[in-house]
Amino acid sequence: MIDCLYFAWVRERIGLPRERVETSAATVMELVEELRAREPRYAAAFEDISALRVAIDQELADFDAALAGAREVAFFPPMTGG
């Protein structure tokens, strides 16, 4: 089990701020593929991953990063300063 956190428009499209997900995914991208296959709202949220950033246990990561030992994965759009 892994906690998935969704922020900004990702949360709006999915309709949840967070959820516990049972997964066999080895990487973030495999998790994204599992989520996309769930329902159209997930497919819409993860349609263009180039518009997303990901953090594993509060550390920025790439979509090819391993999930072994991870407790939490967060998905969010890029942030700008200002």
N, C-alpha and C. Protein backbone atom coordinates (compact mmCIF):
# COMPACT_ATOMS: atom_id res chain seq x y z
N MET A 1 0.84 -1.19 0.00
CA MET A 1 0.00 0.00 0.00
C MET A 1 0.88 1.24 0.00
N ILE A 2 0.40 2.24 -0.72
CA ILE A 2 1.12 3.49 -0.80
C ILE A 2 0.10 4.63 -0.74
N ASP A 3 0.46 5.72 -0.09
CA ASP A 3 -0.40 6.89 -0.05
C ASP A 3 -0.12 7.74 -1.28
N CYS A 4 -1.16 8.06 -2.03
CA CYS A 4 -1.04 8.96 -3.17
C CYS A 4 -1.69 10.28 -2.79
N LEU A 5 -0.95 11.36 -2.98
CA LEU A 5 -1.44 12.70 -2.70
C LEU A 5 -1.57 13.45 -4.01
N TYR A 6 -2.66 14.19 -4.15
CA TYR A 6 -2.94 14.93 -5.39
C TYR A 6 -3.12 16.41 -5.04
N PHE A 7 -2.48 17.27 -5.82
CA PHE A 7 -2.53 18.71 -5.55
C PHE A 7 -3.01 19.48 -6.78
N ALA A 8 -3.60 20.65 -6.52
CA ALA A 8 -4.04 21.61 -7.54
C ALA A 8 -5.02 20.95 -8.52
N TRP A 9 -4.81 21.12 -9.81
CA TRP A 9 -5.77 20.60 -10.79
C TRP A 9 -5.78 19.07 -10.85
N VAL A 10 -4.72 18.42 -10.39
CA VAL A 10 -4.72 16.96 -10.33
C VAL A 10 -5.81 16.52 -9.34
N ARG A 11 -5.83 17.15 -8.18
CA ARG A 11 -6.85 16.86 -7.17
C ARG A 11 -8.25 17.17 -7.71
N GLU A 12 -8.39 18.27 -8.42
CA GLU A 12 -9.70 18.65 -8.97
C GLU A 12 -10.21 17.61 -9.96
N ARG A 13 -9.33 17.11 -10.82
CA ARG A 13 -9.76 16.12 -11.82
C ARG A 13 -10.09 14.77 -11.20
N ILE A 14 -9.31 14.37 -10.21
CA ILE A 14 -9.54 13.07 -9.57
C ILE A 14 -10.67 13.17 -8.55
N GLY A 15 -10.79 14.32 -7.89
CA GLY A 15 -11.85 14.51 -6.91
C GLY A 15 -11.47 14.08 -5.50
N LEU A 16 -10.20 13.83 -5.28
CA LEU A 16 -9.70 13.42 -3.96
C LEU A 16 -8.38 14.12 -3.66
N PRO A 17 -8.15 14.49 -2.41
CA PRO A 17 -6.84 15.06 -2.07
C PRO A 17 -5.78 13.99 -1.83
N ARG A 18 -6.24 12.78 -1.40
CA ARG A 18 -5.31 11.68 -1.13
C ARG A 18 -6.06 10.38 -1.06
N GLU A 19 -5.35 9.27 -1.24
CA GLU A 19 -5.94 7.95 -1.09
C GLU A 19 -4.83 6.93 -0.89
N ARG A 20 -5.19 5.82 -0.26
CA ARG A 20 -4.26 4.69 -0.13
C ARG A 20 -4.51 3.77 -1.31
N VAL A 21 -3.43 3.41 -1.98
CA VAL A 21 -3.53 2.61 -3.19
C VAL A 21 -2.75 1.31 -3.00
N GLU A 22 -3.40 0.21 -3.30
CA GLU A 22 -2.71 -1.07 -3.33
C GLU A 22 -2.12 -1.21 -4.72
N THR A 23 -0.81 -1.40 -4.80
CA THR A 23 -0.14 -1.42 -6.09
C THR A 23 0.97 -2.45 -6.13
N SER A 24 1.22 -2.95 -7.32
CA SER A 24 2.37 -3.82 -7.55
C SER A 24 3.41 -3.08 -8.40
N ALA A 25 3.20 -1.78 -8.60
CA ALA A 25 4.09 -0.98 -9.44
C ALA A 25 5.50 -0.91 -8.85
N ALA A 26 6.49 -1.03 -9.71
CA ALA A 26 7.88 -0.92 -9.30
C ALA A 26 8.41 0.50 -9.45
N THR A 27 7.77 1.29 -10.34
CA THR A 27 8.20 2.66 -10.59
C THR A 27 6.99 3.59 -10.54
N VAL A 28 7.28 4.88 -10.48
CA VAL A 28 6.20 5.87 -10.50
C VAL A 28 5.39 5.73 -11.78
N MET A 29 6.05 5.54 -12.92
CA MET A 29 5.33 5.44 -14.19
C MET A 29 4.39 4.24 -14.20
N GLU A 30 4.81 3.13 -13.62
CA GLU A 30 3.93 1.96 -13.54
C GLU A 30 2.72 2.27 -12.66
N LEU A 31 2.93 3.03 -11.59
CA LEU A 31 1.81 3.46 -10.74
C LEU A 31 0.86 4.35 -11.53
N VAL A 32 1.41 5.28 -12.29
CA VAL A 32 0.58 6.16 -13.13
C VAL A 32 -0.24 5.33 -14.11
N GLU A 33 0.36 4.32 -14.72
CA GLU A 33 -0.38 3.46 -15.66
C GLU A 33 -1.52 2.73 -14.95
N GLU A 34 -1.26 2.24 -13.75
CA GLU A 34 -2.32 1.58 -12.97
C GLU A 34 -3.45 2.56 -12.66
N LEU A 35 -3.09 3.78 -12.26
CA LEU A 35 -4.11 4.78 -11.94
C LEU A 35 -4.91 5.17 -13.18
N ARG A 36 -4.21 5.38 -14.30
CA ARG A 36 -4.90 5.74 -15.55
C ARG A 36 -5.96 4.71 -15.93
N ALA A 37 -5.67 3.44 -15.66
CA ALA A 37 -6.56 2.35 -16.06
C ALA A 37 -7.79 2.24 -15.15
N ARG A 38 -7.79 2.92 -14.01
CA ARG A 38 -8.89 2.82 -13.05
C ARG A 38 -10.20 3.39 -13.59
N GLU A 39 -10.18 4.66 -13.96
CA GLU A 39 -11.40 5.38 -14.35
C GLU A 39 -11.01 6.54 -15.25
N PRO A 40 -11.97 7.07 -16.00
CA PRO A 40 -11.67 8.21 -16.88
C PRO A 40 -11.12 9.43 -16.14
N ARG A 41 -11.55 9.66 -14.91
CA ARG A 41 -11.03 10.84 -14.18
C ARG A 41 -9.54 10.72 -13.92
N TYR A 42 -9.04 9.52 -13.67
CA TYR A 42 -7.60 9.32 -13.50
C TYR A 42 -6.89 9.46 -14.84
N ALA A 43 -7.48 8.91 -15.87
CA ALA A 43 -6.89 9.03 -17.21
C ALA A 43 -6.75 10.50 -17.58
N ALA A 44 -7.75 11.32 -17.25
CA ALA A 44 -7.70 12.75 -17.55
C ALA A 44 -6.61 13.44 -16.73
N ALA A 45 -6.50 13.08 -15.46
CA ALA A 45 -5.50 13.72 -14.59
C ALA A 45 -4.08 13.40 -15.02
N PHE A 46 -3.87 12.18 -15.53
CA PHE A 46 -2.52 11.75 -15.90
C PHE A 46 -2.32 11.68 -17.41
N GLU A 47 -3.16 12.38 -18.15
CA GLU A 47 -3.08 12.36 -19.61
C GLU A 47 -1.73 12.86 -20.12
N ASP A 48 -1.24 13.95 -19.55
CA ASP A 48 0.01 14.56 -20.01
C ASP A 48 0.96 14.67 -18.82
N ILE A 49 1.78 13.65 -18.62
CA ILE A 49 2.66 13.68 -17.44
C ILE A 49 3.77 14.71 -17.57
N SER A 50 3.99 15.26 -18.77
CA SER A 50 4.99 16.32 -18.89
C SER A 50 4.52 17.58 -18.15
N ALA A 51 3.23 17.65 -17.84
CA ALA A 51 2.67 18.79 -17.08
C ALA A 51 2.62 18.50 -15.59
N LEU A 52 3.27 17.42 -15.16
CA LEU A 52 3.24 17.03 -13.75
C LEU A 52 4.64 16.88 -13.18
N ARG A 53 4.70 17.04 -11.87
CA ARG A 53 5.90 16.73 -11.11
C ARG A 53 5.50 15.67 -10.09
N VAL A 54 6.49 14.97 -9.58
CA VAL A 54 6.22 13.91 -8.60
C VAL A 54 7.25 13.98 -7.49
N ALA A 55 6.80 13.64 -6.29
CA ALA A 55 7.69 13.53 -5.14
C ALA A 55 7.42 12.19 -4.46
N ILE A 56 8.49 11.54 -4.07
CA ILE A 56 8.40 10.29 -3.31
C ILE A 56 8.88 10.58 -1.90
N ASP A 57 8.01 10.34 -0.94
CA ASP A 57 8.34 10.63 0.47
C ASP A 57 8.92 12.04 0.62
N GLN A 58 8.27 12.99 -0.04
CA GLN A 58 8.58 14.42 0.02
C GLN A 58 9.91 14.81 -0.60
N GLU A 59 10.43 13.97 -1.50
CA GLU A 59 11.65 14.28 -2.25
C GLU A 59 11.29 14.28 -3.73
N LEU A 60 11.62 15.35 -4.45
CA LEU A 60 11.34 15.37 -5.88
C LEU A 60 11.97 14.17 -6.57
N ALA A 61 11.25 13.62 -7.52
CA ALA A 61 11.71 12.41 -8.21
C ALA A 61 11.28 12.46 -9.67
N ASP A 62 11.79 11.51 -10.44
CA ASP A 62 11.41 11.35 -11.83
C ASP A 62 10.37 10.24 -11.94
N PHE A 63 9.69 10.18 -13.06
CA PHE A 63 8.66 9.16 -13.25
C PHE A 63 9.25 7.76 -13.40
N ASP A 64 10.55 7.65 -13.66
CA ASP A 64 11.17 6.33 -13.73
C ASP A 64 11.77 5.90 -12.38
N ALA A 65 11.53 6.69 -11.33
CA ALA A 65 12.06 6.39 -10.00
C ALA A 65 11.39 5.14 -9.42
N ALA A 66 12.17 4.38 -8.68
CA ALA A 66 11.67 3.16 -8.03
C ALA A 66 10.80 3.51 -6.84
N LEU A 67 9.80 2.67 -6.60
CA LEU A 67 8.89 2.86 -5.47
C LEU A 67 9.22 1.96 -4.28
N ALA A 68 10.23 1.14 -4.40
CA ALA A 68 10.58 0.21 -3.32
C ALA A 68 10.78 0.97 -2.02
N GLY A 69 10.03 0.59 -1.00
CA GLY A 69 10.15 1.22 0.31
C GLY A 69 9.43 2.54 0.46
N ALA A 70 8.83 3.06 -0.60
CA ALA A 70 8.16 4.36 -0.53
C ALA A 70 6.85 4.24 0.25
N ARG A 71 6.56 5.27 1.01
CA ARG A 71 5.31 5.32 1.77
C ARG A 71 4.31 6.27 1.12
N GLU A 72 4.83 7.27 0.37
CA GLU A 72 3.97 8.33 -0.15
C GLU A 72 4.47 8.81 -1.51
N VAL A 73 3.53 9.03 -2.42
CA VAL A 73 3.84 9.62 -3.73
C VAL A 73 2.89 10.79 -3.92
N ALA A 74 3.44 11.94 -4.24
CA ALA A 74 2.63 13.14 -4.46
C ALA A 74 2.74 13.57 -5.92
N PHE A 75 1.60 13.96 -6.49
CA PHE A 75 1.55 14.44 -7.86
C PHE A 75 1.05 15.87 -7.85
N PHE A 76 1.74 16.76 -8.59
CA PHE A 76 1.39 18.17 -8.57
C PHE A 76 1.91 18.84 -9.84
N PRO A 77 1.30 19.95 -10.24
CA PRO A 77 1.83 20.70 -11.39
C PRO A 77 3.09 21.45 -10.98
N PRO A 78 3.90 21.84 -11.95
CA PRO A 78 5.10 22.63 -11.63
C PRO A 78 4.68 23.93 -10.94
N MET A 79 5.47 24.35 -10.01
CA MET A 79 5.19 25.59 -9.28
C MET A 79 6.10 26.71 -9.81
N THR A 80 5.59 27.91 -9.77
CA THR A 80 6.39 29.06 -10.16
C THR A 80 6.51 30.00 -8.98
N GLY A 81 7.61 30.68 -8.89
CA GLY A 81 7.80 31.63 -7.81
C GLY A 81 7.16 32.97 -8.14
N GLY A 82 7.12 33.82 -7.14
CA GLY A 82 6.58 35.13 -7.45
C GLY A 82 5.97 35.84 -6.32
